């Protein structure tokens, strides 16, 4: 942690931005999203210390199967387009290896 002042951040202030979620083979995590009223693009920044495979789905429908290389640098998982829903579950499932989810990003879908 820094002794200096940190600029204000959207959602979380302080050291929360450095937290990551590590998933090992056969582990999964689900996030609930609400009021997806327009088409949204989802991206995830991940790292993996071994070759790994992650599947990301929305309400049981696969958004993509991603192969991560053994690399400590951030790898961007993109090309996922969420469909509209009042309430929806996003599932991140490790099929092989392990990986750290560093950041999830959503933005308006420009390909809809």
N, C-alpha and C. Protein backbone atom coordinates (compact mmCIF):
# COMPACT_ATOMS: atom_id res chain seq x y z
N UNK A 1 0.83 -1.19 0.00
CA UNK A 1 0.00 0.00 0.00
C UNK A 1 0.87 1.24 0.00
N UNK A 2 0.36 2.23 -0.64
CA UNK A 2 1.08 3.49 -0.73
C UNK A 2 0.75 4.38 0.46
N UNK A 3 1.73 5.14 0.93
CA UNK A 3 1.49 6.10 2.00
C UNK A 3 0.85 7.37 1.46
N UNK A 4 1.00 7.59 0.15
CA UNK A 4 0.47 8.81 -0.46
C UNK A 4 -1.02 8.72 -0.71
N UNK A 5 -1.59 9.84 -1.05
CA UNK A 5 -3.02 9.88 -1.35
C UNK A 5 -3.27 9.21 -2.69
N UNK A 6 -4.38 8.50 -2.77
CA UNK A 6 -4.76 7.85 -4.02
C UNK A 6 -5.94 8.61 -4.62
N UNK A 7 -5.96 8.78 -5.94
CA UNK A 7 -7.09 9.48 -6.56
C UNK A 7 -8.37 8.66 -6.40
N UNK A 8 -9.51 9.35 -6.38
CA UNK A 8 -10.79 8.68 -6.28
C UNK A 8 -10.99 7.79 -7.51
N UNK A 9 -11.59 6.63 -7.30
CA UNK A 9 -11.83 5.70 -8.39
C UNK A 9 -13.30 5.34 -8.42
N UNK A 10 -13.82 5.07 -9.60
CA UNK A 10 -15.20 4.66 -9.75
C UNK A 10 -15.38 3.27 -9.13
N UNK A 11 -16.42 3.05 -8.38
CA UNK A 11 -16.77 1.82 -7.67
C UNK A 11 -15.98 1.66 -6.40
N UNK A 12 -14.69 1.35 -6.45
CA UNK A 12 -13.92 1.07 -5.25
C UNK A 12 -12.77 2.06 -5.11
N UNK A 13 -12.53 2.48 -3.89
CA UNK A 13 -11.37 3.31 -3.59
C UNK A 13 -10.28 2.44 -2.98
N UNK A 14 -9.06 2.88 -3.10
CA UNK A 14 -7.97 2.24 -2.38
C UNK A 14 -7.50 0.92 -2.95
N UNK A 15 -7.05 0.02 -2.06
CA UNK A 15 -6.35 -1.19 -2.50
C UNK A 15 -7.25 -2.25 -3.13
N UNK A 16 -8.57 -2.06 -3.18
CA UNK A 16 -9.45 -3.06 -3.78
C UNK A 16 -9.10 -3.30 -5.25
N UNK A 17 -8.52 -2.30 -5.90
CA UNK A 17 -8.18 -2.47 -7.32
C UNK A 17 -7.08 -3.49 -7.52
N UNK A 18 -6.34 -3.84 -6.49
CA UNK A 18 -5.26 -4.81 -6.63
C UNK A 18 -5.70 -6.24 -6.33
N UNK A 19 -6.94 -6.41 -5.87
CA UNK A 19 -7.44 -7.75 -5.56
C UNK A 19 -7.75 -8.51 -6.85
N UNK A 20 -7.48 -9.81 -6.85
CA UNK A 20 -7.79 -10.66 -7.99
C UNK A 20 -8.56 -11.88 -7.50
N UNK A 21 -9.24 -12.54 -8.41
CA UNK A 21 -9.94 -13.77 -8.09
C UNK A 21 -9.22 -14.90 -8.82
N UNK A 22 -8.68 -15.87 -8.05
CA UNK A 22 -7.99 -17.01 -8.65
C UNK A 22 -8.96 -18.19 -8.70
N UNK A 23 -9.07 -18.78 -9.88
CA UNK A 23 -9.86 -19.98 -10.08
C UNK A 23 -8.95 -21.13 -10.49
N UNK A 24 -9.16 -22.28 -9.87
CA UNK A 24 -8.42 -23.49 -10.22
C UNK A 24 -9.33 -24.41 -11.03
N UNK A 25 -8.76 -25.42 -11.63
CA UNK A 25 -9.51 -26.35 -12.46
C UNK A 25 -10.77 -26.84 -11.73
N UNK A 26 -11.88 -26.83 -12.45
CA UNK A 26 -13.21 -27.25 -11.98
C UNK A 26 -13.87 -26.26 -11.02
N UNK A 27 -13.24 -25.12 -10.76
CA UNK A 27 -13.87 -24.09 -9.94
C UNK A 27 -14.59 -23.11 -10.85
N UNK A 28 -15.58 -22.41 -10.28
CA UNK A 28 -16.33 -21.44 -11.04
C UNK A 28 -16.81 -20.33 -10.11
N UNK A 29 -17.17 -19.23 -10.73
CA UNK A 29 -17.75 -18.11 -10.00
C UNK A 29 -18.87 -17.54 -10.85
N UNK A 30 -19.94 -17.08 -10.18
CA UNK A 30 -21.05 -16.47 -10.90
C UNK A 30 -21.27 -15.05 -10.39
N UNK A 31 -21.57 -14.17 -11.34
CA UNK A 31 -21.93 -12.79 -11.03
C UNK A 31 -23.32 -12.55 -11.58
N UNK A 32 -24.14 -11.85 -10.83
CA UNK A 32 -25.48 -11.48 -11.30
C UNK A 32 -25.43 -10.04 -11.78
N UNK A 33 -25.96 -9.82 -12.97
CA UNK A 33 -26.07 -8.47 -13.52
C UNK A 33 -27.55 -8.16 -13.70
N UNK A 34 -27.88 -6.90 -13.53
CA UNK A 34 -29.27 -6.47 -13.60
C UNK A 34 -29.45 -5.38 -14.64
N UNK A 35 -30.66 -5.31 -15.17
CA UNK A 35 -31.07 -4.22 -16.07
C UNK A 35 -30.13 -4.04 -17.25
N UNK A 36 -29.84 -5.12 -17.93
CA UNK A 36 -29.06 -5.03 -19.17
C UNK A 36 -30.08 -4.67 -20.25
N UNK A 37 -30.25 -3.37 -20.47
CA UNK A 37 -31.30 -2.89 -21.38
C UNK A 37 -30.81 -2.66 -22.80
N UNK A 38 -29.51 -2.64 -22.98
CA UNK A 38 -28.94 -2.53 -24.32
C UNK A 38 -27.88 -3.61 -24.47
N UNK A 39 -27.47 -3.86 -25.68
CA UNK A 39 -26.44 -4.85 -25.92
C UNK A 39 -25.11 -4.35 -25.34
N UNK A 40 -24.46 -5.22 -24.57
CA UNK A 40 -23.23 -4.85 -23.85
C UNK A 40 -22.11 -5.79 -24.26
N UNK A 41 -20.91 -5.24 -24.36
CA UNK A 41 -19.72 -6.04 -24.62
C UNK A 41 -18.99 -6.27 -23.29
N UNK A 42 -18.61 -7.53 -23.03
CA UNK A 42 -17.89 -7.90 -21.82
C UNK A 42 -16.46 -8.26 -22.18
N UNK A 43 -15.51 -7.76 -21.41
CA UNK A 43 -14.10 -8.11 -21.55
C UNK A 43 -13.56 -8.46 -20.16
N UNK A 44 -12.60 -9.38 -20.13
CA UNK A 44 -11.98 -9.77 -18.87
C UNK A 44 -10.46 -9.75 -19.03
N UNK A 45 -9.78 -9.21 -18.05
CA UNK A 45 -8.31 -9.24 -18.02
C UNK A 45 -7.90 -10.36 -17.07
N UNK A 46 -7.10 -11.29 -17.58
CA UNK A 46 -6.69 -12.46 -16.79
C UNK A 46 -5.19 -12.71 -16.93
N UNK A 47 -4.65 -13.45 -15.97
CA UNK A 47 -3.29 -13.96 -16.07
C UNK A 47 -3.33 -15.45 -15.73
N UNK A 48 -2.34 -16.18 -16.25
CA UNK A 48 -2.26 -17.62 -15.97
C UNK A 48 -0.79 -18.01 -15.87
N UNK A 49 -0.45 -18.83 -14.90
CA UNK A 49 0.92 -19.30 -14.73
C UNK A 49 1.15 -20.65 -15.42
N UNK A 50 0.07 -21.20 -15.98
CA UNK A 50 0.16 -22.46 -16.71
C UNK A 50 -0.86 -22.41 -17.84
N UNK A 51 -0.70 -23.21 -18.89
CA UNK A 51 -1.72 -23.23 -19.94
C UNK A 51 -3.07 -23.57 -19.33
N UNK A 52 -4.09 -22.78 -19.66
CA UNK A 52 -5.39 -22.91 -19.02
C UNK A 52 -6.51 -22.67 -20.02
N UNK A 53 -7.69 -23.19 -19.68
CA UNK A 53 -8.88 -22.99 -20.51
C UNK A 53 -10.02 -22.53 -19.60
N UNK A 54 -10.64 -21.41 -19.97
CA UNK A 54 -11.77 -20.85 -19.21
C UNK A 54 -12.97 -20.71 -20.14
N UNK A 55 -14.14 -21.07 -19.62
CA UNK A 55 -15.38 -20.84 -20.37
C UNK A 55 -16.17 -19.76 -19.65
N UNK A 56 -16.71 -18.83 -20.41
CA UNK A 56 -17.55 -17.77 -19.86
C UNK A 56 -18.92 -17.92 -20.49
N UNK A 57 -19.97 -17.91 -19.64
CA UNK A 57 -21.32 -18.09 -20.14
C UNK A 57 -22.27 -17.09 -19.51
N UNK A 58 -23.41 -16.88 -20.18
CA UNK A 58 -24.48 -16.04 -19.67
C UNK A 58 -25.74 -16.90 -19.62
N UNK A 59 -26.26 -17.12 -18.44
CA UNK A 59 -27.45 -17.94 -18.25
C UNK A 59 -27.33 -19.30 -18.93
N UNK A 60 -26.17 -19.92 -18.82
CA UNK A 60 -25.96 -21.25 -19.37
C UNK A 60 -25.63 -21.29 -20.85
N UNK A 61 -25.60 -20.15 -21.52
CA UNK A 61 -25.26 -20.07 -22.94
C UNK A 61 -23.82 -19.59 -23.05
N UNK A 62 -22.99 -20.38 -23.70
CA UNK A 62 -21.56 -20.05 -23.77
C UNK A 62 -21.33 -18.76 -24.56
N UNK A 63 -20.54 -17.88 -23.96
CA UNK A 63 -20.10 -16.65 -24.63
C UNK A 63 -18.73 -16.84 -25.27
N UNK A 64 -18.02 -17.86 -24.81
CA UNK A 64 -16.70 -18.13 -25.39
C UNK A 64 -15.90 -19.10 -24.56
N UNK A 65 -15.03 -19.79 -25.24
CA UNK A 65 -14.07 -20.71 -24.64
C UNK A 65 -12.70 -20.09 -24.91
N UNK A 66 -11.94 -19.81 -23.84
CA UNK A 66 -10.71 -19.04 -23.97
C UNK A 66 -9.51 -19.85 -23.50
N UNK A 67 -8.51 -19.93 -24.36
CA UNK A 67 -7.25 -20.59 -24.01
C UNK A 67 -6.28 -19.51 -23.54
N UNK A 68 -5.76 -19.68 -22.34
CA UNK A 68 -4.79 -18.75 -21.78
C UNK A 68 -3.41 -19.39 -21.82
N UNK A 69 -2.44 -18.65 -22.27
CA UNK A 69 -1.07 -19.18 -22.29
C UNK A 69 -0.42 -18.96 -20.93
N UNK A 70 0.63 -19.72 -20.66
CA UNK A 70 1.38 -19.56 -19.41
C UNK A 70 2.18 -18.28 -19.51
N UNK A 71 1.63 -17.21 -18.95
CA UNK A 71 2.24 -15.89 -19.09
C UNK A 71 1.78 -15.02 -17.93
N UNK A 72 2.69 -14.35 -17.27
CA UNK A 72 2.32 -13.48 -16.15
C UNK A 72 1.76 -12.15 -16.62
N UNK A 73 1.86 -11.87 -17.92
CA UNK A 73 1.30 -10.63 -18.45
C UNK A 73 -0.21 -10.77 -18.61
N UNK A 74 -0.91 -9.66 -18.53
CA UNK A 74 -2.36 -9.66 -18.64
C UNK A 74 -2.78 -10.08 -20.05
N UNK A 75 -3.75 -11.00 -20.10
CA UNK A 75 -4.32 -11.45 -21.37
C UNK A 75 -5.77 -10.99 -21.41
N UNK A 76 -6.18 -10.38 -22.51
CA UNK A 76 -7.52 -9.84 -22.65
C UNK A 76 -8.44 -10.86 -23.30
N UNK A 77 -9.52 -11.20 -22.59
CA UNK A 77 -10.54 -12.08 -23.14
C UNK A 77 -11.66 -11.18 -23.65
N UNK A 78 -11.89 -11.17 -24.96
CA UNK A 78 -12.86 -10.24 -25.53
C UNK A 78 -13.74 -10.96 -26.55
N UNK A 79 -14.60 -10.19 -27.19
CA UNK A 79 -15.49 -10.75 -28.19
C UNK A 79 -16.77 -11.31 -27.60
N UNK A 80 -17.08 -10.96 -26.35
CA UNK A 80 -18.29 -11.47 -25.70
C UNK A 80 -19.37 -10.38 -25.73
N UNK A 81 -20.54 -10.74 -26.20
CA UNK A 81 -21.64 -9.80 -26.33
C UNK A 81 -22.81 -10.29 -25.49
N UNK A 82 -23.15 -9.56 -24.43
CA UNK A 82 -24.25 -9.94 -23.55
C UNK A 82 -25.57 -9.59 -24.22
N UNK A 83 -26.56 -10.45 -24.04
CA UNK A 83 -27.89 -10.14 -24.54
C UNK A 83 -28.67 -9.42 -23.45
N UNK A 84 -29.72 -8.74 -23.86
CA UNK A 84 -30.50 -7.96 -22.90
C UNK A 84 -31.29 -8.88 -21.97
N UNK A 85 -31.41 -8.46 -20.72
CA UNK A 85 -32.13 -9.23 -19.72
C UNK A 85 -32.37 -8.34 -18.49
N UNK A 86 -33.49 -8.59 -17.81
CA UNK A 86 -33.74 -7.88 -16.55
C UNK A 86 -32.77 -8.34 -15.47
N UNK A 87 -32.47 -9.65 -15.46
CA UNK A 87 -31.52 -10.24 -14.53
C UNK A 87 -30.83 -11.39 -15.25
N UNK A 88 -29.52 -11.50 -15.07
CA UNK A 88 -28.76 -12.51 -15.80
C UNK A 88 -27.56 -12.94 -14.97
N UNK A 89 -27.16 -14.21 -15.12
CA UNK A 89 -25.97 -14.71 -14.42
C UNK A 89 -24.83 -14.93 -15.40
N UNK A 90 -23.68 -14.38 -15.05
CA UNK A 90 -22.45 -14.62 -15.80
C UNK A 90 -21.64 -15.64 -15.04
N UNK A 91 -21.19 -16.69 -15.71
CA UNK A 91 -20.42 -17.75 -15.06
C UNK A 91 -19.04 -17.84 -15.69
N UNK A 92 -18.01 -17.83 -14.86
CA UNK A 92 -16.62 -18.01 -15.28
C UNK A 92 -16.18 -19.35 -14.72
N UNK A 93 -15.88 -20.32 -15.61
CA UNK A 93 -15.58 -21.69 -15.19
C UNK A 93 -14.21 -22.11 -15.74
N UNK A 94 -13.35 -22.62 -14.84
CA UNK A 94 -12.04 -23.11 -15.27
C UNK A 94 -12.18 -24.57 -15.68
N UNK A 95 -11.93 -24.85 -16.94
CA UNK A 95 -12.00 -26.21 -17.45
C UNK A 95 -10.66 -26.92 -17.33
N UNK A 96 -9.58 -26.14 -17.38
CA UNK A 96 -8.23 -26.70 -17.30
C UNK A 96 -7.29 -25.66 -16.72
N UNK A 97 -6.37 -26.08 -15.87
CA UNK A 97 -5.37 -25.16 -15.31
C UNK A 97 -5.96 -24.23 -14.26
N UNK A 98 -5.35 -23.06 -14.13
CA UNK A 98 -5.83 -22.04 -13.20
C UNK A 98 -5.51 -20.67 -13.77
N UNK A 99 -6.27 -19.68 -13.32
CA UNK A 99 -6.07 -18.32 -13.82
C UNK A 99 -6.56 -17.33 -12.78
N UNK A 100 -6.09 -16.11 -12.90
CA UNK A 100 -6.54 -15.00 -12.05
C UNK A 100 -7.35 -14.04 -12.91
N UNK A 101 -8.55 -13.72 -12.45
CA UNK A 101 -9.35 -12.68 -13.09
C UNK A 101 -8.98 -11.38 -12.42
N UNK A 102 -8.38 -10.48 -13.17
CA UNK A 102 -7.89 -9.22 -12.62
C UNK A 102 -8.92 -8.09 -12.73
N UNK A 103 -9.67 -8.09 -13.84
CA UNK A 103 -10.63 -7.00 -14.04
C UNK A 103 -11.69 -7.41 -15.05
N UNK A 104 -12.93 -7.03 -14.78
CA UNK A 104 -14.03 -7.21 -15.71
C UNK A 104 -14.45 -5.83 -16.20
N UNK A 105 -14.70 -5.71 -17.50
CA UNK A 105 -15.07 -4.43 -18.08
C UNK A 105 -16.30 -4.61 -18.95
N UNK A 106 -17.24 -3.69 -18.84
CA UNK A 106 -18.40 -3.69 -19.72
C UNK A 106 -18.47 -2.34 -20.40
N UNK A 107 -18.96 -2.36 -21.63
CA UNK A 107 -19.14 -1.13 -22.39
C UNK A 107 -20.21 -1.38 -23.45
N UNK A 108 -20.80 -0.31 -23.98
CA UNK A 108 -21.82 -0.51 -25.02
C UNK A 108 -21.24 -1.33 -26.18
N UNK A 109 -22.05 -2.21 -26.71
CA UNK A 109 -21.64 -3.08 -27.81
C UNK A 109 -21.74 -2.31 -29.11
N UNK A 110 -20.62 -2.14 -29.78
CA UNK A 110 -20.60 -1.38 -31.03
C UNK A 110 -20.91 -2.25 -32.25
N UNK A 111 -21.06 -3.57 -32.04
CA UNK A 111 -21.33 -4.48 -33.16
C UNK A 111 -22.77 -4.94 -33.21
N UNK A 112 -23.65 -4.29 -32.46
CA UNK A 112 -25.04 -4.75 -32.46
C UNK A 112 -25.86 -3.95 -33.46
